[in-house]
C-alpha cells in the first residue's frame, strides 16, 4: 500500500496515523513525499522517534528511517506490549513532541495482549503539538468512553528549545473499541485553568491568571485557575483551560515565547475557548481527528459534532479510508462547525 504524505494537510500526522494503522492491521506500507511542503521537508527527530517506536513494538522491517527522508517503507509483524523507553533527542538534540510519539503508540498498543509501560523523553509543551495537559485532561477521558484505559504522568516539563521533558504512560488492553455518539455537549459544569512557568518570575504566571480571569468574567464565566512552577531544565510559560460539560470535555492552551507578553498567552487560550462555546460542537477541533482511527475500528456507527472541521480532520479521514473500507460522512465545510458520522465496514 502506498500513502502520499503530501496529501491534504501534508504534515507528520499522515506518517503517525499510517504507522498506527499499519501496526494494528499488520499491513505493510510505503509512505512517499513525507512532509514535502514543509520548510524543512522529510522526517524530523520526533517523526523518526515515532517510526523507531513502532518498529520496536511490532518487529517491523524498515527502510528510509533517517533524518529528512521523504520516503519510508514499513512492514510490521506482531505488535507486542511491554516496557519501552523512547527519546526524541536520541539521534539529534531536539525538543520534539512527546505527545505526538505517544499519539502514534496509543492505538496499536491498546489492542495488544499485554499492557504497556512507556517512558518518552523530549518536549512536553512545544508548538504545533498537543501539550501534555491536553493529552491527560482531554484526550485520555474521551478515549476512555471508547474503551481505552490510558494513564499519563509528567515528571519533567520540556520546553523549546532544550526539551528534556519526561512523560510516563500506562496502556491497558482494550478488548474492543466502543462507538461514540456525542452530538450535544450539554451545559458547562466547570471551567478550570492552570497558569504555568518554569525557571521564570512568579509574576508571569500571576499576570496570565489575572488576564484570563478578567476576560472570562467579562463574558459571564467563573473560572478556577491555579498557579504552578513546573520542574524543567529549560524556561517556559503555558496557560491552559479545561471546560467540563455534561457530555464532553474540551481543552484550550497557549504557550509563551520570548517577546510575547504574559497577557497575550492568556488571551489566546481564552479566545480558543470563547470561539468553541459560540458553536454547538460537542468536540473541539484538536480532538476530532485523533478520535477518527479508533472509531473506524469500532464495531458500530459513531456520530459526533465538532466546533470546526479542520484540514487535519479531513486528512486523517482520508488516511483511515486508505486502510479500511469505512464510510465517513462529513456534514459541513472546512473551517466551520460540522457533524461526522463513521460507519465501520
C-alpha atoms as a PDB file:
ATOM      1  CA  UNK A   1       0.000   0.000   0.000  1.00  0.00           C
ATOM      2  CA  UNK A   2       1.304   3.469  -0.870  1.00  0.00           C
ATOM      3  CA  UNK A   3       0.365   6.600   1.073  1.00  0.00           C
ATOM      4  CA  UNK A   4       1.064  10.120  -0.224  1.00  0.00           C
ATOM      5  CA  UNK A   5       2.484  12.100   2.709  1.00  0.00           C
ATOM      6  CA  UNK A   6       1.790  15.352   0.886  1.00  0.00           C
ATOM      7  CA  UNK A   7      -1.990  14.840   0.725  1.00  0.00           C
ATOM      8  CA  UNK A   8      -4.274  17.397   2.401  1.00  0.00           C
ATOM      9  CA  UNK A   9      -2.650  18.916   5.450  1.00  0.00           C
ATOM     10  CA  UNK A  10       0.578  17.236   4.370  1.00  0.00           C
ATOM     11  CA  UNK A  11       2.228  17.065   7.794  1.00  0.00           C
ATOM     12  CA  UNK A  12       3.556  14.488  10.202  1.00  0.00           C
ATOM     13  CA  UNK A  13       0.050  13.386  11.128  1.00  0.00           C
ATOM     14  CA  UNK A  14      -0.161  11.321   7.942  1.00  0.00           C
ATOM     15  CA  UNK A  15       3.008   9.473   8.952  1.00  0.00           C
ATOM     16  CA  UNK A  16       1.803   8.865  12.511  1.00  0.00           C
ATOM     17  CA  UNK A  17      -1.690   7.637  11.601  1.00  0.00           C
ATOM     18  CA  UNK A  18      -0.254   5.446   8.864  1.00  0.00           C
ATOM     19  CA  UNK A  19       2.205   3.860  11.303  1.00  0.00           C
ATOM     20  CA  UNK A  20      -0.541   3.272  13.893  1.00  0.00           C
ATOM     21  CA  UNK A  21      -2.892   1.606  11.424  1.00  0.00           C
ATOM     22  CA  UNK A  22      -0.095  -0.348   9.780  1.00  0.00           C
ATOM     23  CA  UNK A  23       0.839  -1.836  13.169  1.00  0.00           C
ATOM     24  CA  UNK A  24      -2.673  -2.653  14.338  1.00  0.00           C
ATOM     25  CA  UNK A  25      -3.760  -4.106  10.966  1.00  0.00           C
ATOM     26  CA  UNK A  26      -0.374  -5.709  10.121  1.00  0.00           C
ATOM     27  CA  UNK A  27      -0.378  -4.003   6.719  1.00  0.00           C
ATOM     28  CA  UNK A  28       2.961  -3.088   5.135  1.00  0.00           C
ATOM     29  CA  UNK A  29       3.083   0.429   3.707  1.00  0.00           C
ATOM     30  CA  UNK A  30       5.232   2.782   1.692  1.00  0.00           C
ATOM     31  CA  UNK A  31       4.894   6.478   2.504  1.00  0.00           C
ATOM     32  CA  UNK A  32       6.139   8.963  -0.082  1.00  0.00           C
ATOM     33  CA  UNK A  33       6.511  12.762  -0.037  1.00  0.00           C
ATOM     34  CA  UNK A  34       6.787  12.867   3.764  1.00  0.00           C
ATOM     35  CA  UNK A  35       6.206  16.478   4.867  1.00  0.00           C
ATOM     36  CA  UNK A  36       7.224  17.544   1.355  1.00  0.00           C
ATOM     37  CA  UNK A  37       5.701  21.008   1.605  1.00  0.00           C
ATOM     38  CA  UNK A  38       7.233  21.934   4.965  1.00  0.00           C
ATOM     39  CA  UNK A  39      10.073  24.424   5.437  1.00  0.00           C
ATOM     40  CA  UNK A  40      12.375  21.504   6.256  1.00  0.00           C
ATOM     41  CA  UNK A  41      10.845  18.544   4.369  1.00  0.00           C
ATOM     42  CA  UNK A  42      11.091  14.919   5.377  1.00  0.00           C
ATOM     43  CA  UNK A  43      11.241  13.205   8.758  1.00  0.00           C
ATOM     44  CA  UNK A  44      12.465  15.198  11.749  1.00  0.00           C
ATOM     45  CA  UNK A  45      13.558  13.766  15.154  1.00  0.00           C
ATOM     46  CA  UNK A  46      10.044  13.426  16.594  1.00  0.00           C
ATOM     47  CA  UNK A  47       8.841  11.671  13.425  1.00  0.00           C
ATOM     48  CA  UNK A  48      11.788   9.300  13.472  1.00  0.00           C
ATOM     49  CA  UNK A  49      11.096   8.560  17.131  1.00  0.00           C
ATOM     50  CA  UNK A  50       7.564   7.515  16.165  1.00  0.00           C
ATOM     51  CA  UNK A  51       8.972   5.341  13.373  1.00  0.00           C
ATOM     52  CA  UNK A  52      11.534   3.702  15.653  1.00  0.00           C
ATOM     53  CA  UNK A  53       8.946   3.227  18.397  1.00  0.00           C
ATOM     54  CA  UNK A  54       6.546   1.480  16.020  1.00  0.00           C
ATOM     55  CA  UNK A  55       9.431  -0.557  14.647  1.00  0.00           C
ATOM     56  CA  UNK A  56      10.277  -1.735  18.140  1.00  0.00           C
ATOM     57  CA  UNK A  57       6.758  -2.624  19.262  1.00  0.00           C
ATOM     58  CA  UNK A  58       5.985  -4.528  16.038  1.00  0.00           C
ATOM     59  CA  UNK A  59       9.376  -6.003  14.999  1.00  0.00           C
ATOM     60  CA  UNK A  60       8.939  -4.171  11.701  1.00  0.00           C
ATOM     61  CA  UNK A  61      11.298  -4.152   8.758  1.00  0.00           C
ATOM     62  CA  UNK A  62      12.001  -0.528   7.899  1.00  0.00           C
ATOM     63  CA  UNK A  63      13.707   1.363   5.088  1.00  0.00           C
ATOM     64  CA  UNK A  64      14.117   5.130   4.955  1.00  0.00           C
ATOM     65  CA  UNK A  65      14.281   5.732   8.716  1.00  0.00           C
ATOM     66  CA  UNK A  66      16.741   8.631   8.551  1.00  0.00           C
ATOM     67  CA  UNK A  67      16.569  12.386   9.114  1.00  0.00           C
ATOM     68  CA  UNK A  68      14.879  14.331   6.297  1.00  0.00           C
ATOM     69  CA  UNK A  69      13.942  11.143   4.473  1.00  0.00           C
ATOM     70  CA  UNK A  70      10.971  11.711   2.152  1.00  0.00           C
ATOM     71  CA  UNK A  71      10.137   8.015   1.765  1.00  0.00           C
ATOM     72  CA  UNK A  72       9.554   5.248   4.291  1.00  0.00           C
ATOM     73  CA  UNK A  73       8.865   1.547   3.871  1.00  0.00           C
ATOM     74  CA  UNK A  74       7.344  -0.076   6.954  1.00  0.00           C
ATOM     75  CA  UNK A  75       6.453  -3.783   7.252  1.00  0.00           C
ATOM     76  CA  UNK A  76       5.195  -4.713  10.747  1.00  0.00           C
ATOM     77  CA  UNK A  77       4.931  -8.144  12.307  1.00  0.00           C
ATOM     78  CA  UNK A  78       3.055  -8.866  15.556  1.00  0.00           C
ATOM     79  CA  UNK A  79       2.623  -5.818  17.800  1.00  0.00           C
ATOM     80  CA  UNK A  80       3.503  -6.592  21.409  1.00  0.00           C
ATOM     81  CA  UNK A  81       3.032  -4.778  24.688  1.00  0.00           C
ATOM     82  CA  UNK A  82       5.820  -4.319  27.213  1.00  0.00           C
ATOM     83  CA  UNK A  83       8.106  -1.765  28.860  1.00  0.00           C
ATOM     84  CA  UNK A  84       9.629   0.791  26.485  1.00  0.00           C
ATOM     85  CA  UNK A  85      11.745   3.954  26.608  1.00  0.00           C
ATOM     86  CA  UNK A  86      11.889   6.374  23.674  1.00  0.00           C
ATOM     87  CA  UNK A  87      13.977   9.546  23.470  1.00  0.00           C
ATOM     88  CA  UNK A  88      13.151  12.168  20.828  1.00  0.00           C
ATOM     89  CA  UNK A  89      16.691  13.555  21.159  1.00  0.00           C
ATOM     90  CA  UNK A  90      18.379  10.181  20.698  1.00  0.00           C
ATOM     91  CA  UNK A  91      19.634  10.928  17.175  1.00  0.00           C
ATOM     92  CA  UNK A  92      19.822  14.716  17.366  1.00  0.00           C
ATOM     93  CA  UNK A  93      19.219  17.346  20.045  1.00  0.00           C
ATOM     94  CA  UNK A  94      15.522  18.129  19.872  1.00  0.00           C
ATOM     95  CA  UNK A  95      12.502  19.335  21.816  1.00  0.00           C
ATOM     96  CA  UNK A  96      10.269  17.231  19.564  1.00  0.00           C
ATOM     97  CA  UNK A  97       6.867  16.403  20.959  1.00  0.00           C
ATOM     98  CA  UNK A  98       6.409  13.507  23.374  1.00  0.00           C
ATOM     99  CA  UNK A  99       2.641  13.782  22.845  1.00  0.00           C
ATOM    100  CA  UNK A 100       2.922  13.047  19.131  1.00  0.00           C
ATOM    101  CA  UNK A 101       5.077   9.992  19.772  1.00  0.00           C
ATOM    102  CA  UNK A 102       2.537   8.675  22.275  1.00  0.00           C
ATOM    103  CA  UNK A 103      -0.306   9.528  19.901  1.00  0.00           C
ATOM    104  CA  UNK A 104       1.266   7.093  17.416  1.00  0.00           C
ATOM    105  CA  UNK A 105       1.567   4.313  20.005  1.00  0.00           C
ATOM    106  CA  UNK A 106      -1.771   4.538  21.824  1.00  0.00           C
ATOM    107  CA  UNK A 107      -3.823   2.852  19.104  1.00  0.00           C
ATOM    108  CA  UNK A 108      -1.721  -0.264  18.376  1.00  0.00           C
ATOM    109  CA  UNK A 109      -0.650  -0.861  21.985  1.00  0.00           C
ATOM    110  CA  UNK A 110      -4.238  -0.623  23.250  1.00  0.00           C
ATOM    111  CA  UNK A 111      -5.060  -3.793  21.296  1.00  0.00           C
ATOM    112  CA  UNK A 112      -2.080  -5.905  22.387  1.00  0.00           C
ATOM    113  CA  UNK A 113      -2.447  -8.978  24.584  1.00  0.00           C
ATOM    114  CA  UNK A 114      -0.396  -7.346  27.340  1.00  0.00           C
ATOM    115  CA  UNK A 115      -0.362  -3.893  28.915  1.00  0.00           C
ATOM    116  CA  UNK A 116       2.482  -1.463  28.252  1.00  0.00           C
ATOM    117  CA  UNK A 117       4.571   0.959  30.277  1.00  0.00           C
ATOM    118  CA  UNK A 118       6.232   3.687  28.257  1.00  0.00           C
ATOM    119  CA  UNK A 119       8.657   6.484  29.083  1.00  0.00           C
ATOM    120  CA  UNK A 120       9.103   9.200  26.463  1.00  0.00           C
ATOM    121  CA  UNK A 121      11.758  11.917  26.727  1.00  0.00           C
ATOM    122  CA  UNK A 122      11.515  15.176  24.792  1.00  0.00           C
ATOM    123  CA  UNK A 123       9.303  18.245  24.538  1.00  0.00           C
ATOM    124  CA  UNK A 124       6.079  18.155  26.567  1.00  0.00           C
ATOM    125  CA  UNK A 125       4.884  21.693  25.793  1.00  0.00           C
ATOM    126  CA  UNK A 126       6.017  22.776  22.340  1.00  0.00           C
ATOM    127  CA  UNK A 127       4.417  24.445  19.315  1.00  0.00           C
ATOM    128  CA  UNK A 128       2.350  22.547  16.741  1.00  0.00           C
ATOM    129  CA  UNK A 129       1.548  19.623  19.024  1.00  0.00           C
ATOM    130  CA  UNK A 130      -0.893  18.781  21.830  1.00  0.00           C
ATOM    131  CA  UNK A 131       0.595  19.801  25.205  1.00  0.00           C
ATOM    132  CA  UNK A 132       0.788  17.131  27.899  1.00  0.00           C
ATOM    133  CA  UNK A 133      -2.145  18.700  29.774  1.00  0.00           C
ATOM    134  CA  UNK A 134      -4.381  18.336  26.731  1.00  0.00           C
ATOM    135  CA  UNK A 135      -3.479  14.657  26.356  1.00  0.00           C
ATOM    136  CA  UNK A 136      -4.071  13.910  30.038  1.00  0.00           C
ATOM    137  CA  UNK A 137      -7.111  16.092  30.701  1.00  0.00           C
ATOM    138  CA  UNK A 138      -8.953  15.877  27.364  1.00  0.00           C
ATOM    139  CA  UNK A 139      -7.766  13.033  25.138  1.00  0.00           C
ATOM    140  CA  UNK A 140      -7.492  10.348  27.849  1.00  0.00           C
ATOM    141  CA  UNK A 141     -11.012  10.890  29.318  1.00  0.00           C
ATOM    142  CA  UNK A 142     -12.576  10.943  25.854  1.00  0.00           C
ATOM    143  CA  UNK A 143     -10.911   7.744  24.608  1.00  0.00           C
ATOM    144  CA  UNK A 144     -11.997   6.119  27.878  1.00  0.00           C
ATOM    145  CA  UNK A 145     -15.537   6.481  26.530  1.00  0.00           C
ATOM    146  CA  UNK A 146     -14.364   4.387  23.556  1.00  0.00           C
ATOM    147  CA  UNK A 147     -12.947   1.681  25.826  1.00  0.00           C
ATOM    148  CA  UNK A 148      -9.269   2.687  26.165  1.00  0.00           C
ATOM    149  CA  UNK A 149      -7.607   2.797  29.582  1.00  0.00           C
ATOM    150  CA  UNK A 150      -4.594   5.100  29.455  1.00  0.00           C
ATOM    151  CA  UNK A 151      -2.774   6.718  32.375  1.00  0.00           C
ATOM    152  CA  UNK A 152      -0.361   9.626  31.906  1.00  0.00           C
ATOM    153  CA  UNK A 153       2.089  11.247  34.308  1.00  0.00           C
ATOM    154  CA  UNK A 154       4.625  14.018  33.819  1.00  0.00           C
ATOM    155  CA  UNK A 155       7.911  14.000  35.734  1.00  0.00           C
ATOM    156  CA  UNK A 156       9.703  16.858  33.988  1.00  0.00           C
ATOM    157  CA  UNK A 157       8.390  19.523  31.641  1.00  0.00           C
ATOM    158  CA  UNK A 158      10.171  20.005  28.314  1.00  0.00           C
ATOM    159  CA  UNK A 159      10.079  23.389  26.574  1.00  0.00           C
ATOM    160  CA  UNK A 160      11.551  24.529  23.270  1.00  0.00           C
ATOM    161  CA  UNK A 161      14.484  24.524  22.556  1.00  0.00           C
ATOM    162  CA  UNK A 162      16.019  22.389  25.327  1.00  0.00           C
ATOM    163  CA  UNK A 163      13.339  19.694  25.646  1.00  0.00           C
ATOM    164  CA  UNK A 164      14.371  17.293  28.399  1.00  0.00           C
ATOM    165  CA  UNK A 165      10.810  16.524  29.483  1.00  0.00           C
ATOM    166  CA  UNK A 166       9.791  13.122  30.801  1.00  0.00           C
ATOM    167  CA  UNK A 167       6.355  11.528  30.412  1.00  0.00           C
ATOM    168  CA  UNK A 168       5.246   8.145  31.760  1.00  0.00           C
ATOM    169  CA  UNK A 169       2.354   6.228  30.237  1.00  0.00           C
ATOM    170  CA  UNK A 170       0.471   3.024  31.075  1.00  0.00           C
ATOM    171  CA  UNK A 171      -1.743   1.483  28.382  1.00  0.00           C
ATOM    172  CA  UNK A 172      -4.169  -1.316  29.223  1.00  0.00           C
ATOM    173  CA  UNK A 173      -5.693  -3.832  26.835  1.00  0.00           C
ATOM    174  CA  UNK A 174      -8.912  -2.708  25.130  1.00  0.00           C
ATOM    175  CA  UNK A 175     -10.938  -5.762  24.127  1.00  0.00           C
ATOM    176  CA  UNK A 176     -12.761  -3.671  21.540  1.00  0.00           C
ATOM    177  CA  UNK A 177     -13.381  -0.047  20.631  1.00  0.00           C
ATOM    178  CA  UNK A 178     -16.844   1.231  21.502  1.00  0.00           C
ATOM    179  CA  UNK A 179     -18.815   3.612  19.283  1.00  0.00           C
ATOM    180  CA  UNK A 180     -19.154   7.248  20.298  1.00  0.00           C
ATOM    181  CA  UNK A 181     -22.397   9.131  19.855  1.00  0.00           C
ATOM    182  CA  UNK A 182     -21.840  12.674  21.006  1.00  0.00           C
ATOM    183  CA  UNK A 183     -23.835  15.359  19.260  1.00  0.00           C
ATOM    184  CA  UNK A 184     -24.642  17.615  22.228  1.00  0.00           C
ATOM    185  CA  UNK A 185     -22.087  18.692  24.811  1.00  0.00           C
ATOM    186  CA  UNK A 186     -24.683  19.779  27.374  1.00  0.00           C
ATOM    187  CA  UNK A 187     -24.323  22.523  29.975  1.00  0.00           C
ATOM    188  CA  UNK A 188     -20.962  23.812  31.142  1.00  0.00           C
ATOM    189  CA  UNK A 189     -20.398  22.299  34.588  1.00  0.00           C
ATOM    190  CA  UNK A 190     -16.939  23.556  35.460  1.00  0.00           C
ATOM    191  CA  UNK A 191     -14.263  25.791  33.947  1.00  0.00           C
ATOM    192  CA  UNK A 192     -10.778  25.458  35.384  1.00  0.00           C
ATOM    193  CA  UNK A 193      -7.321  26.536  34.366  1.00  0.00           C
ATOM    194  CA  UNK A 194      -3.633  26.389  35.159  1.00  0.00           C
ATOM    195  CA  UNK A 195      -1.013  29.092  34.698  1.00  0.00           C
ATOM    196  CA  UNK A 196       2.453  27.562  34.493  1.00  0.00           C
ATOM    197  CA  UNK A 197       6.035  28.805  34.476  1.00  0.00           C
ATOM    198  CA  UNK A 198       9.429  27.119  34.623  1.00  0.00           C
ATOM    199  CA  UNK A 199      12.500  28.971  35.879  1.00  0.00           C
ATOM    200  CA  UNK A 200      10.876  32.376  35.384  1.00  0.00           C
ATOM    201  CA  UNK A 201       9.456  35.001  37.789  1.00  0.00           C
ATOM    202  CA  UNK A 202       6.192  34.078  39.530  1.00  0.00           C
ATOM    203  CA  UNK A 203       4.739  37.375  38.354  1.00  0.00           C
ATOM    204  CA  UNK A 204       4.445  35.991  34.811  1.00  0.00           C
ATOM    205  CA  UNK A 205       2.109  33.228  35.947  1.00  0.00           C
ATOM    206  CA  UNK A 206       0.128  35.745  38.017  1.00  0.00           C
ATOM    207  CA  UNK A 207      -0.289  38.025  35.005  1.00  0.00           C
ATOM    208  CA  UNK A 208      -1.511  35.154  32.838  1.00  0.00           C
ATOM    209  CA  UNK A 209      -4.001  34.148  35.522  1.00  0.00           C
ATOM    210  CA  UNK A 210      -5.300  37.666  36.154  1.00  0.00           C
ATOM    211  CA  UNK A 211      -5.768  38.403  32.469  1.00  0.00           C
ATOM    212  CA  UNK A 212      -7.720  35.184  31.928  1.00  0.00           C
ATOM    213  CA  UNK A 213      -9.993  35.835  34.906  1.00  0.00           C
ATOM    214  CA  UNK A 214     -10.687  39.360  33.642  1.00  0.00           C
ATOM    215  CA  UNK A 215     -11.557  38.195  30.109  1.00  0.00           C
ATOM    216  CA  UNK A 216     -13.712  35.279  31.198  1.00  0.00           C
ATOM    217  CA  UNK A 217     -15.583  37.129  33.959  1.00  0.00           C
ATOM    218  CA  UNK A 218     -16.463  39.851  31.454  1.00  0.00           C
ATOM    219  CA  UNK A 219     -18.106  37.089  29.383  1.00  0.00           C
ATOM    220  CA  UNK A 220     -20.037  35.673  32.335  1.00  0.00           C
ATOM    221  CA  UNK A 221     -17.759  32.763  33.295  1.00  0.00           C
ATOM    222  CA  UNK A 222     -16.268  31.999  36.707  1.00  0.00           C
ATOM    223  CA  UNK A 223     -13.055  30.023  36.194  1.00  0.00           C
ATOM    224  CA  UNK A 224     -10.926  28.441  38.905  1.00  0.00           C
ATOM    225  CA  UNK A 225      -7.293  28.978  37.938  1.00  0.00           C
ATOM    226  CA  UNK A 226      -4.236  27.650  39.743  1.00  0.00           C
ATOM    227  CA  UNK A 227      -0.558  28.582  39.584  1.00  0.00           C
ATOM    228  CA  UNK A 228       2.247  26.086  39.085  1.00  0.00           C
ATOM    229  CA  UNK A 229       6.048  26.226  38.934  1.00  0.00           C
ATOM    230  CA  UNK A 230       6.927  23.256  36.701  1.00  0.00           C
ATOM    231  CA  UNK A 231      10.198  21.330  37.097  1.00  0.00           C
ATOM    232  CA  UNK A 232      12.286  21.655  33.928  1.00  0.00           C
ATOM    233  CA  UNK A 233      15.813  22.136  32.617  1.00  0.00           C
ATOM    234  CA  UNK A 234      14.537  24.983  30.465  1.00  0.00           C
ATOM    235  CA  UNK A 235      12.382  28.081  30.673  1.00  0.00           C
ATOM    236  CA  UNK A 236       8.793  28.372  29.537  1.00  0.00           C
ATOM    237  CA  UNK A 237       5.264  29.566  30.217  1.00  0.00           C
ATOM    238  CA  UNK A 238       1.920  27.950  29.495  1.00  0.00           C
ATOM    239  CA  UNK A 239      -1.753  28.639  30.103  1.00  0.00           C
ATOM    240  CA  UNK A 240      -4.479  26.008  29.812  1.00  0.00           C
ATOM    241  CA  UNK A 241      -8.260  25.975  30.208  1.00  0.00           C
ATOM    242  CA  UNK A 242     -10.321  22.829  30.776  1.00  0.00           C
ATOM    243  CA  UNK A 243     -14.060  23.066  30.105  1.00  0.00           C
ATOM    244  CA  UNK A 244     -16.162  20.235  31.554  1.00  0.00           C
ATOM    245  CA  UNK A 245     -19.634  19.853  30.072  1.00  0.00           C
ATOM    246  CA  UNK A 246     -22.421  17.382  30.844  1.00  0.00           C
ATOM    247  CA  UNK A 247     -21.419  15.076  27.998  1.00  0.00           C
ATOM    248  CA  UNK A 248     -17.902  16.063  26.962  1.00  0.00           C
ATOM    249  CA  UNK A 249     -14.722  17.867  27.902  1.00  0.00           C
ATOM    250  CA  UNK A 250     -12.641  20.318  25.857  1.00  0.00           C
ATOM    251  CA  UNK A 251      -9.260  21.973  26.305  1.00  0.00           C
ATOM    252  CA  UNK A 252      -7.626  25.198  25.145  1.00  0.00           C
ATOM    253  CA  UNK A 253      -3.987  26.130  25.658  1.00  0.00           C
ATOM    254  CA  UNK A 254      -1.365  28.666  24.638  1.00  0.00           C
ATOM    255  CA  UNK A 255       2.413  28.803  25.000  1.00  0.00           C
ATOM    256  CA  UNK A 256       4.592  31.730  25.867  1.00  0.00           C
ATOM    257  CA  UNK A 257       7.689  32.678  23.920  1.00  0.00           C
ATOM    258  CA  UNK A 258      10.406  35.319  24.051  1.00  0.00           C
ATOM    259  CA  UNK A 259       8.882  38.724  23.362  1.00  0.00           C
ATOM    260  CA  UNK A 260       5.290  37.545  23.886  1.00  0.00           C
ATOM    261  CA  UNK A 261       3.534  39.248  26.792  1.00  0.00           C
ATOM    262  CA  UNK A 262       2.041  37.071  29.510  1.00  0.00           C
ATOM    263  CA  UNK A 263      -1.335  38.686  28.957  1.00  0.00           C
ATOM    264  CA  UNK A 264      -1.265  37.629  25.316  1.00  0.00           C
ATOM    265  CA  UNK A 265      -0.698  33.992  26.279  1.00  0.00           C
ATOM    266  CA  UNK A 266      -3.847  34.008  28.401  1.00  0.00           C
ATOM    267  CA  UNK A 267      -5.794  35.884  25.719  1.00  0.00           C
ATOM    268  CA  UNK A 268      -5.032  33.237  23.107  1.00  0.00           C
ATOM    269  CA  UNK A 269      -6.283  30.380  25.289  1.00  0.00           C
ATOM    270  CA  UNK A 270      -9.400  32.326  26.256  1.00  0.00           C
ATOM    271  CA  UNK A 271     -10.107  33.189  22.604  1.00  0.00           C
ATOM    272  CA  UNK A 272      -9.986  29.494  21.662  1.00  0.00           C
ATOM    273  CA  UNK A 273     -12.441  28.677  24.460  1.00  0.00           C
ATOM    274  CA  UNK A 274     -14.828  31.510  23.567  1.00  0.00           C
ATOM    275  CA  UNK A 275     -14.809  30.516  19.894  1.00  0.00           C
ATOM    276  CA  UNK A 276     -15.707  26.972  20.931  1.00  0.00           C
ATOM    277  CA  UNK A 277     -18.660  27.884  23.164  1.00  0.00           C
ATOM    278  CA  UNK A 278     -20.107  30.090  20.419  1.00  0.00           C
ATOM    279  CA  UNK A 279     -20.762  26.890  18.438  1.00  0.00           C
ATOM    280  CA  UNK A 280     -22.860  23.834  19.271  1.00  0.00           C
ATOM    281  CA  UNK A 281     -19.988  21.402  18.703  1.00  0.00           C
ATOM    282  CA  UNK A 282     -19.538  18.680  21.295  1.00  0.00           C
ATOM    283  CA  UNK A 283     -15.847  18.142  20.478  1.00  0.00           C
ATOM    284  CA  UNK A 284     -13.072  20.676  19.964  1.00  0.00           C
ATOM    285  CA  UNK A 285     -11.135  20.723  16.651  1.00  0.00           C
ATOM    286  CA  UNK A 286      -7.940  19.208  18.053  1.00  0.00           C
ATOM    287  CA  UNK A 287      -9.663  16.109  19.413  1.00  0.00           C
ATOM    288  CA  UNK A 288     -11.805  15.235  16.408  1.00  0.00           C
ATOM    289  CA  UNK A 289      -9.035  13.998  14.110  1.00  0.00           C
ATOM    290  CA  UNK A 290      -7.457  11.973  16.942  1.00  0.00           C
ATOM    291  CA  UNK A 291     -10.678  10.019  17.534  1.00  0.00           C
ATOM    292  CA  UNK A 292     -11.311   9.006  13.917  1.00  0.00           C
ATOM    293  CA  UNK A 293      -8.958   5.966  13.731  1.00  0.00           C
ATOM    294  CA  UNK A 294     -10.402   4.484  16.939  1.00  0.00           C
ATOM    295  CA  UNK A 295     -13.991   4.921  15.803  1.00  0.00           C
ATOM    296  CA  UNK A 296     -13.205   3.476  12.375  1.00  0.00           C
ATOM    297  CA  UNK A 297     -12.119   0.296  14.176  1.00  0.00           C
ATOM    298  CA  UNK A 298     -15.238   0.148  16.360  1.00  0.00           C
ATOM    299  CA  UNK A 299     -17.960  -2.353  15.558  1.00  0.00           C
ATOM    300  CA  UNK A 300     -20.816   0.133  15.326  1.00  0.00           C
ATOM    301  CA  UNK A 301     -21.628   3.545  13.844  1.00  0.00           C
ATOM    302  CA  UNK A 302     -20.378   6.676  15.604  1.00  0.00           C
ATOM    303  CA  UNK A 303     -21.548  10.261  15.265  1.00  0.00           C
ATOM    304  CA  UNK A 304     -20.139  13.423  16.794  1.00  0.00           C
ATOM    305  CA  UNK A 305     -20.338  17.150  16.257  1.00  0.00           C
ATOM    306  CA  UNK A 306     -17.210  19.305  16.118  1.00  0.00           C
ATOM    307  CA  UNK A 307     -16.859  23.049  16.600  1.00  0.00           C
ATOM    308  CA  UNK A 308     -14.684  23.371  13.478  1.00  0.00           C
ATOM    309  CA  UNK A 309     -13.876  20.957  10.664  1.00  0.00           C
ATOM    310  CA  UNK A 310     -10.114  21.212  10.300  1.00  0.00           C
ATOM    311  CA  UNK A 311      -7.839  20.162   7.462  1.00  0.00           C
ATOM    312  CA  UNK A 312      -6.209  17.810   9.983  1.00  0.00           C
ATOM    313  CA  UNK A 313      -9.557  16.077  10.456  1.00  0.00           C
ATOM    314  CA  UNK A 314     -10.224  15.734   6.734  1.00  0.00           C
ATOM    315  CA  UNK A 315      -6.689  14.455   6.158  1.00  0.00           C
ATOM    316  CA  UNK A 316      -6.942  11.851   8.901  1.00  0.00           C
ATOM    317  CA  UNK A 317     -10.266  10.649   7.487  1.00  0.00           C
ATOM    318  CA  UNK A 318      -8.532  10.197   4.127  1.00  0.00           C
ATOM    319  CA  UNK A 319      -5.696   8.176   5.690  1.00  0.00           C
ATOM    320  CA  UNK A 320      -8.137   5.910   7.531  1.00  0.00           C
ATOM    321  CA  UNK A 321     -10.062   5.254   4.314  1.00  0.00           C
ATOM    322  CA  UNK A 322      -6.860   4.110   2.598  1.00  0.00           C
ATOM    323  CA  UNK A 323      -6.648   1.274   5.140  1.00  0.00           C
ATOM    324  CA  UNK A 324     -10.278   0.441   5.837  1.00  0.00           C
ATOM    325  CA  UNK A 325     -13.499   0.220   3.790  1.00  0.00           C
ATOM    326  CA  UNK A 326     -15.038   2.636   6.281  1.00  0.00           C
ATOM    327  CA  UNK A 327     -17.726   5.094   5.259  1.00  0.00           C
ATOM    328  CA  UNK A 328     -17.269   8.558   6.738  1.00  0.00           C
ATOM    329  CA  UNK A 329     -19.918  11.220   6.231  1.00  0.00           C
ATOM    330  CA  UNK A 330     -18.840  14.837   6.731  1.00  0.00           C
ATOM    331  CA  UNK A 331     -21.608  17.409   7.120  1.00  0.00           C
ATOM    332  CA  UNK A 332     -20.271  20.960   6.972  1.00  0.00           C
ATOM    333  CA  UNK A 333     -17.417  22.825   5.324  1.00  0.00           C
ATOM    334  CA  UNK A 334     -13.781  23.087   6.301  1.00  0.00           C
ATOM    335  CA  UNK A 335     -13.354  25.877   8.851  1.00  0.00           C
ATOM    336  CA  UNK A 336     -16.993  25.658  10.012  1.00  0.00           C
ATOM    337  CA  UNK A 337     -18.860  23.573  12.610  1.00  0.00           C
ATOM    338  CA  UNK A 338     -19.859  20.148  11.403  1.00  0.00           C
ATOM    339  CA  UNK A 339     -21.052  16.633  12.057  1.00  0.00           C
ATOM    340  CA  UNK A 340     -19.052  13.465  11.431  1.00  0.00           C
ATOM    341  CA  UNK A 341     -20.598  10.023  11.018  1.00  0.00           C
ATOM    342  CA  UNK A 342     -18.303   6.993  10.881  1.00  0.00           C
ATOM    343  CA  UNK A 343     -19.741   3.697   9.637  1.00  0.00           C
ATOM    344  CA  UNK A 344     -17.252   0.828  10.072  1.00  0.00           C
ATOM    345  CA  UNK A 345     -17.237  -1.937   7.480  1.00  0.00           C
END
